[in-house]
Amino acid sequence: MIQLSGEKQIKNPARLFFIVAREANVAVLFRRGPSNWIQLIKWNLNKDYFEFGQWFHGRIDERKCDLNPDGSLLVYFASKYTKKQMQSAISSTWTAISKPPYFTAIGLWPNGGTTYGGGGLFIDNHTLLLNHSIIEPHPNFQAKAIKIIPHTNDVKKECKSIFSSRLDRDGWKLIQEFKKLKNKYGNDAYNKTRQPEIRERTEKKSKSIILMERSSNNDKYQAKFYLKQNEKIIEIHNGQWADWDHKGRLIAAIDGKLFASDSSDKKIKLENLKLLLDTNDHEPTLLKAPGFATRLVCLF
C-alpha cells in the first residue's frame, strides 16, 4: 500500500469529490461528512488557494453536477427529505444553479420529489442542458441570464447519461462498459456489477494515464483509481476521485484529503504527492451568501 507523505489511514474519513472547470484554473470540491452534510469549497488551481463555502444538510448527487467552462457557475442536484421540505413548492428534490462556493440558488427547478432526472451539463458559460422533463423554473429563482435546453434522453437513465456524458466530454475514454447481473430471464436483476466500467484519461504532455474502475452494489457506486506510467499500473489506494489539472498535475482526493503531484515531475511517484488540504476536521457552520452570489446579470 502506498503511504502518502507519512499520512496514517483515518477511520471514517470525510468523502471528497471535485470537478475541474474546462477553461479555467478553478475547481469545486464537495466535502461530505458527517452523514448528509456537504460543504462546498472553491479551489484556485493556480495558487492552491481554497475558499470554504456553505454547508448543505441533505444530499448532493455529484454525478449530476457540473461547472460551466470558466468555473463561475455550478449546477447541482439536491434532495432533502424533511416534512417541511416535502410540503414546500420546491419539493424534496431539485436542480439549482449557484455561484461557488455557495449553494444559494440563483436558478432552481423542482423535480417533484423523485430522483429520476435532475441535474444538468453546461454547454457553454451561459447555456445549460437541463435534465428535467419540465423545464419551468421556480418563480422565485428564474435565472433568466441562463439559456435552458431540455435534455432529451430517457430520464430513467439519467445517472448514466449525465455522468457519462460529462466524463466523455472531459476526456475520460471508455475502455469497458458497465454490465449488471442478470436474473434467470436474462434481464437486469439488481443494480450489482457483473462487469465494471473502466475508463482512462491521458495527460497530454507526459502521456501518463489515470485508470478508473467503477462498480455498483444496490445503487451504491464505488470507484477505484490507478496511475499508469510506462505500462506500469499502481493503485491510488483509498482514492475517492482523481484527475489531471491544466498544469498536468495528478490531483487526487484520498481519505478526505487533497493531494497533488509537482507539475515539473516527468515521472509521478505516488509517495511524493504533496498534501494540499485536509478536510477531516471541518464541521458544519452557517454561512450567508454575499450579495454577488444571489443574482445573475443578463448577458444576452
Protein backbone atom coordinates (compact mmCIF):
# COMPACT_ATOMS: atom_id res chain seq x y z
CA MET A 1 0.00 0.00 0.00
CA ILE A 2 1.28 3.44 -0.95
CA GLN A 3 1.71 5.66 2.11
CA LEU A 4 1.32 9.33 1.14
CA SER A 5 3.51 11.91 2.86
CA GLY A 6 3.67 9.84 6.03
CA GLU A 7 -0.11 10.10 6.48
CA LYS A 8 -1.91 7.48 8.52
CA GLN A 9 -5.20 5.96 7.42
CA ILE A 10 -8.17 7.69 9.10
CA LYS A 11 -11.17 5.86 10.49
CA ASN A 12 -14.39 7.14 8.87
CA PRO A 13 -12.72 9.88 6.78
CA ALA A 14 -14.66 12.62 5.02
CA ARG A 15 -15.65 11.98 1.41
CA LEU A 16 -14.20 14.28 -1.26
CA PHE A 17 -15.18 14.73 -4.88
CA PHE A 18 -14.14 17.51 -7.24
CA ILE A 19 -14.89 18.95 -10.68
CA VAL A 20 -12.29 20.95 -12.62
CA ALA A 21 -13.52 23.78 -14.87
CA ARG A 22 -12.79 23.12 -18.53
CA GLU A 23 -11.34 26.51 -19.44
CA ALA A 24 -10.09 27.97 -16.15
CA ASN A 25 -7.80 27.03 -13.28
CA VAL A 26 -10.77 26.62 -10.98
CA ALA A 27 -12.34 23.58 -9.34
CA VAL A 28 -15.06 22.88 -6.80
CA LEU A 29 -14.83 20.33 -4.01
CA PHE A 30 -17.81 18.55 -2.47
CA ARG A 31 -16.81 17.58 1.05
CA ARG A 32 -19.28 15.10 2.65
CA GLY A 33 -19.48 14.10 6.31
CA PRO A 34 -20.97 13.70 8.81
CA SER A 35 -23.82 11.89 7.06
CA ASN A 36 -26.00 14.21 4.94
CA TRP A 37 -23.80 17.25 5.44
CA ILE A 38 -21.97 18.60 2.37
CA GLN A 39 -19.56 21.54 2.26
CA LEU A 40 -18.81 23.35 -0.99
CA ILE A 41 -15.21 24.54 -1.45
CA LYS A 42 -13.80 26.60 -4.34
CA TRP A 43 -10.24 25.81 -5.36
CA ASN A 44 -7.91 28.21 -7.19
CA LEU A 45 -5.61 25.80 -9.01
CA ASN A 46 -3.01 28.46 -9.81
CA LYS A 47 -2.23 29.26 -6.19
CA ASP A 48 -3.83 26.22 -4.50
CA TYR A 49 -5.98 28.65 -2.54
CA PHE A 50 -9.26 27.43 -1.06
CA GLU A 51 -12.47 29.33 -0.31
CA PHE A 52 -14.55 27.44 2.23
CA GLY A 53 -18.19 27.92 1.39
CA GLN A 54 -21.64 26.93 2.51
CA TRP A 55 -22.81 23.68 4.05
CA PHE A 56 -25.94 21.87 2.88
CA HIS A 57 -27.90 19.48 5.11
CA GLY A 58 -29.22 16.92 2.67
CA ARG A 59 -27.84 15.02 -0.30
CA ILE A 60 -25.99 16.31 -3.35
CA ASP A 61 -25.60 13.83 -6.22
CA GLU A 62 -22.17 14.70 -7.59
CA ARG A 63 -22.81 12.58 -10.70
CA LYS A 64 -25.44 15.10 -11.82
CA CYS A 65 -23.37 18.25 -11.13
CA ASP A 66 -21.27 20.35 -13.47
CA LEU A 67 -19.23 23.57 -13.67
CA ASN A 68 -19.54 26.00 -16.55
CA PRO A 69 -16.30 26.41 -18.56
CA ASP A 70 -14.99 29.46 -16.66
CA GLY A 71 -15.86 27.95 -13.26
CA SER A 72 -18.17 30.78 -12.19
CA LEU A 73 -21.39 28.74 -12.06
CA LEU A 74 -22.31 25.35 -10.62
CA VAL A 75 -25.33 23.23 -11.44
CA TYR A 76 -26.20 20.65 -8.80
CA PHE A 77 -28.93 18.15 -7.97
CA ALA A 78 -30.10 18.13 -4.36
CA SER A 79 -32.52 16.18 -2.19
CA LYS A 80 -33.79 16.88 1.30
CA TYR A 81 -36.44 14.61 2.75
CA THR A 82 -37.80 16.59 5.68
CA LYS A 83 -41.53 17.11 6.20
CA LYS A 84 -41.19 20.86 5.74
CA GLN A 85 -39.20 20.48 2.53
CA MET A 86 -41.52 17.82 1.10
CA GLN A 87 -44.52 20.11 1.61
CA SER A 88 -42.83 23.14 0.06
CA ALA A 89 -43.26 24.44 -3.51
CA ILE A 90 -39.67 23.41 -4.23
CA SER A 91 -40.34 19.76 -3.27
CA SER A 92 -37.79 17.39 -1.78
CA THR A 93 -35.63 17.13 -4.93
CA TRP A 94 -34.47 19.91 -7.23
CA THR A 95 -31.79 21.16 -9.58
CA ALA A 96 -30.19 24.53 -8.89
CA ILE A 97 -27.57 26.90 -10.25
CA SER A 98 -25.31 28.72 -7.80
CA LYS A 99 -22.06 30.65 -7.62
CA PRO A 100 -19.33 28.58 -5.90
CA PRO A 101 -18.52 28.29 -3.08
CA TYR A 102 -22.20 28.94 -2.26
CA PHE A 103 -25.21 26.65 -2.62
CA THR A 104 -27.64 29.59 -2.50
CA ALA A 105 -29.77 29.16 -5.63
CA ILE A 106 -29.95 31.80 -8.36
CA GLY A 107 -31.85 29.39 -10.60
CA LEU A 108 -33.95 26.43 -9.42
CA TRP A 109 -36.12 23.72 -10.98
CA PRO A 110 -38.26 21.49 -8.68
CA ASN A 111 -38.15 17.79 -9.52
CA GLY A 112 -41.28 16.67 -7.71
CA GLY A 113 -39.62 14.54 -5.05
CA THR A 114 -38.22 11.98 -7.49
CA THR A 115 -34.56 11.19 -8.13
CA TYR A 116 -35.31 10.35 -11.78
CA GLY A 117 -33.98 13.13 -13.93
CA GLY A 118 -32.35 16.15 -12.34
CA GLY A 119 -29.01 17.83 -12.76
CA GLY A 120 -27.51 19.09 -15.98
CA LEU A 121 -24.49 19.91 -18.11
CA PHE A 122 -23.18 23.30 -19.17
CA ILE A 123 -22.77 23.56 -22.93
CA ASP A 124 -21.04 26.91 -22.55
CA ASN A 125 -20.80 29.62 -19.88
CA HIS A 126 -24.42 30.71 -20.32
CA THR A 127 -26.22 27.62 -21.72
CA LEU A 128 -27.40 24.70 -19.59
CA LEU A 129 -28.61 21.30 -20.76
CA LEU A 130 -31.21 20.62 -18.05
CA ASN A 131 -32.11 17.01 -17.26
CA HIS A 132 -35.79 17.67 -16.48
CA SER A 133 -38.89 16.67 -18.40
CA ILE A 134 -40.43 20.02 -17.35
CA ILE A 135 -38.08 23.00 -17.54
CA GLU A 136 -40.31 25.58 -15.87
CA PRO A 137 -38.25 27.19 -13.07
CA HIS A 138 -39.45 28.06 -9.60
CA PRO A 139 -40.96 31.60 -9.83
CA ASN A 140 -38.55 32.94 -7.20
CA PHE A 141 -35.48 31.53 -8.97
CA GLN A 142 -35.76 32.38 -12.68
CA ALA A 143 -32.06 32.52 -13.79
CA LYS A 144 -33.04 34.48 -16.90
CA ALA A 145 -29.39 35.04 -17.78
CA ILE A 146 -29.02 31.32 -18.50
CA LYS A 147 -30.35 29.75 -21.68
CA ILE A 148 -32.01 26.42 -20.89
CA ILE A 149 -32.09 23.47 -23.30
CA PRO A 150 -34.09 20.37 -22.27
CA HIS A 151 -32.30 17.05 -22.06
CA THR A 152 -33.91 14.54 -24.41
CA ASN A 153 -32.58 11.23 -23.08
CA ASP A 154 -34.73 8.79 -21.10
CA VAL A 155 -34.85 10.32 -17.62
CA LYS A 156 -34.75 6.84 -16.05
CA LYS A 157 -31.21 6.51 -17.37
CA GLU A 158 -30.09 9.92 -16.18
CA CYS A 159 -27.28 8.71 -13.91
CA LYS A 160 -25.60 7.12 -16.91
CA SER A 161 -26.40 9.83 -19.43
CA ILE A 162 -25.49 12.89 -17.36
CA PHE A 163 -22.43 11.48 -15.62
CA SER A 164 -21.16 9.51 -18.60
CA SER A 165 -21.67 12.48 -20.90
CA ARG A 166 -19.61 14.64 -18.57
CA LEU A 167 -16.86 12.02 -18.43
CA ASP A 168 -16.86 11.70 -22.23
CA ARG A 169 -16.69 15.47 -22.63
CA ASP A 170 -13.83 15.81 -20.14
CA GLY A 171 -11.64 13.22 -21.83
CA TRP A 172 -12.41 10.00 -19.93
CA LYS A 173 -12.19 7.37 -22.66
CA LEU A 174 -14.49 4.38 -22.20
CA ILE A 175 -12.48 1.11 -22.27
CA GLN A 176 -15.05 -1.33 -20.89
CA GLU A 177 -18.80 -0.90 -20.43
CA PHE A 178 -20.61 -1.45 -17.13
CA LYS A 179 -22.85 -4.54 -17.07
CA LYS A 180 -25.32 -5.61 -14.39
CA LEU A 181 -26.05 -9.06 -13.04
CA LYS A 182 -28.87 -10.84 -14.85
CA ASN A 183 -31.82 -12.81 -13.47
CA LYS A 184 -32.94 -16.19 -14.82
CA TYR A 185 -34.94 -14.43 -17.55
CA GLY A 186 -31.90 -12.61 -18.85
CA ASN A 187 -32.97 -9.19 -17.55
CA ASP A 188 -31.11 -6.84 -15.21
CA ALA A 189 -31.95 -8.27 -11.78
CA TYR A 190 -30.10 -5.99 -9.40
CA ASN A 191 -28.00 -2.89 -9.65
CA LYS A 192 -24.97 -5.02 -8.96
CA THR A 193 -21.89 -5.30 -11.11
CA ARG A 194 -21.29 -8.19 -13.45
CA GLN A 195 -18.66 -6.25 -15.35
CA PRO A 196 -17.22 -2.94 -14.05
CA GLU A 197 -16.93 0.17 -16.17
CA ILE A 198 -13.34 1.07 -16.97
CA ARG A 199 -12.26 4.47 -18.26
CA GLU A 200 -8.91 6.14 -18.76
CA ARG A 201 -7.80 9.75 -19.00
CA THR A 202 -4.41 10.59 -20.52
CA GLU A 203 -2.34 13.64 -19.63
CA LYS A 204 -1.37 15.19 -22.97
CA LYS A 205 2.26 16.11 -22.25
CA SER A 206 3.51 13.25 -20.06
CA LYS A 207 1.21 10.62 -21.60
CA SER A 208 0.61 9.28 -18.08
CA ILE A 209 -2.83 7.74 -17.60
CA ILE A 210 -5.39 7.63 -14.80
CA LEU A 211 -7.50 4.47 -14.88
CA MET A 212 -10.92 4.50 -13.22
CA GLU A 213 -12.86 1.32 -12.42
CA ARG A 214 -16.50 1.85 -11.40
CA SER A 215 -18.86 -0.75 -9.99
CA SER A 216 -22.10 -0.73 -8.02
CA ASN A 217 -23.85 -2.63 -5.27
CA ASN A 218 -27.54 -1.78 -4.80
CA ASP A 219 -27.15 1.75 -6.23
CA LYS A 220 -24.01 2.46 -4.17
CA TYR A 221 -21.35 3.31 -6.71
CA GLN A 222 -17.73 2.56 -5.94
CA ALA A 223 -14.68 3.71 -7.84
CA LYS A 224 -11.04 2.67 -7.78
CA PHE A 225 -8.26 4.70 -9.36
CA TYR A 226 -4.90 3.66 -10.77
CA LEU A 227 -1.89 5.50 -12.19
CA LYS A 228 -0.43 4.01 -15.36
CA GLN A 229 3.06 5.05 -16.49
CA ASN A 230 5.19 3.17 -18.99
CA GLU A 231 2.82 0.20 -18.79
CA LYS A 232 3.25 0.02 -15.00
CA ILE A 233 -0.04 0.28 -13.08
CA ILE A 234 -0.20 1.33 -9.41
CA GLU A 235 -3.41 1.68 -7.41
CA ILE A 236 -4.17 5.02 -5.75
CA HIS A 237 -5.32 3.40 -2.51
CA ASN A 238 -8.46 4.81 -0.91
CA GLY A 239 -8.76 7.23 -3.80
CA GLN A 240 -12.15 8.95 -3.79
CA TRP A 241 -11.54 10.84 -7.04
CA ALA A 242 -8.56 11.63 -9.28
CA ASP A 243 -7.94 13.76 -12.35
CA TRP A 244 -5.38 15.90 -14.19
CA ASP A 245 -5.36 19.68 -13.78
CA HIS A 246 -4.48 22.17 -16.51
CA LYS A 247 -0.82 22.21 -15.43
CA GLY A 248 -0.51 18.46 -15.90
CA ARG A 249 -0.55 17.65 -12.20
CA LEU A 250 -2.13 14.49 -10.88
CA ILE A 251 -4.69 15.66 -8.31
CA ALA A 252 -6.29 13.10 -6.03
CA ALA A 253 -8.80 13.04 -3.18
CA ILE A 254 -7.83 10.37 -0.65
CA ASP A 255 -9.45 9.81 2.74
CA GLY A 256 -10.87 13.34 2.91
CA LYS A 257 -7.54 14.91 1.88
CA LEU A 258 -6.42 16.54 -1.34
CA PHE A 259 -3.04 15.73 -2.88
CA ALA A 260 -1.17 16.88 -6.00
CA SER A 261 1.98 15.99 -7.86
CA ASP A 262 4.54 18.58 -8.95
CA SER A 263 3.91 19.88 -12.47
CA SER A 264 7.64 19.53 -13.22
CA ASP A 265 7.72 15.80 -12.43
CA LYS A 266 8.45 13.75 -15.54
CA LYS A 267 7.53 10.61 -13.62
CA ILE A 268 4.95 10.74 -10.85
CA LYS A 269 5.63 8.85 -7.63
CA LEU A 270 2.52 8.48 -5.51
CA GLU A 271 4.51 8.51 -2.28
CA ASN A 272 5.77 12.00 -3.21
CA LEU A 273 2.36 13.60 -3.72
CA LYS A 274 2.02 16.86 -1.79
CA LEU A 275 -0.78 17.32 0.73
CA LEU A 276 -2.74 20.45 -0.22
CA LEU A 277 -5.77 20.23 2.07
CA ASP A 278 -7.07 18.07 4.92
CA THR A 279 -10.84 18.45 5.40
CA ASN A 280 -11.35 15.82 8.09
CA ASP A 281 -11.67 18.34 10.92
CA HIS A 282 -14.27 20.50 9.13
CA GLU A 283 -17.60 20.90 10.95
CA PRO A 284 -20.92 22.29 9.67
CA THR A 285 -21.37 26.03 10.17
CA LEU A 286 -23.90 28.60 8.99
CA LEU A 287 -22.68 30.93 6.26
CA LYS A 288 -24.81 33.51 4.47
CA ALA A 289 -24.10 34.06 0.79
CA PRO A 290 -22.89 37.60 -0.06
CA GLY A 291 -24.91 39.74 -2.43
CA PHE A 292 -22.94 38.90 -5.58
CA ALA A 293 -23.73 35.20 -5.10
CA THR A 294 -27.50 35.77 -5.08
CA ARG A 295 -28.02 37.29 -8.53
CA LEU A 296 -27.13 36.92 -12.20
CA VAL A 297 -26.62 39.64 -14.79
CA CYS A 298 -28.28 39.00 -18.14
CA LEU A 299 -25.63 38.80 -20.88
CA PHE A 300 -27.78 38.25 -23.97
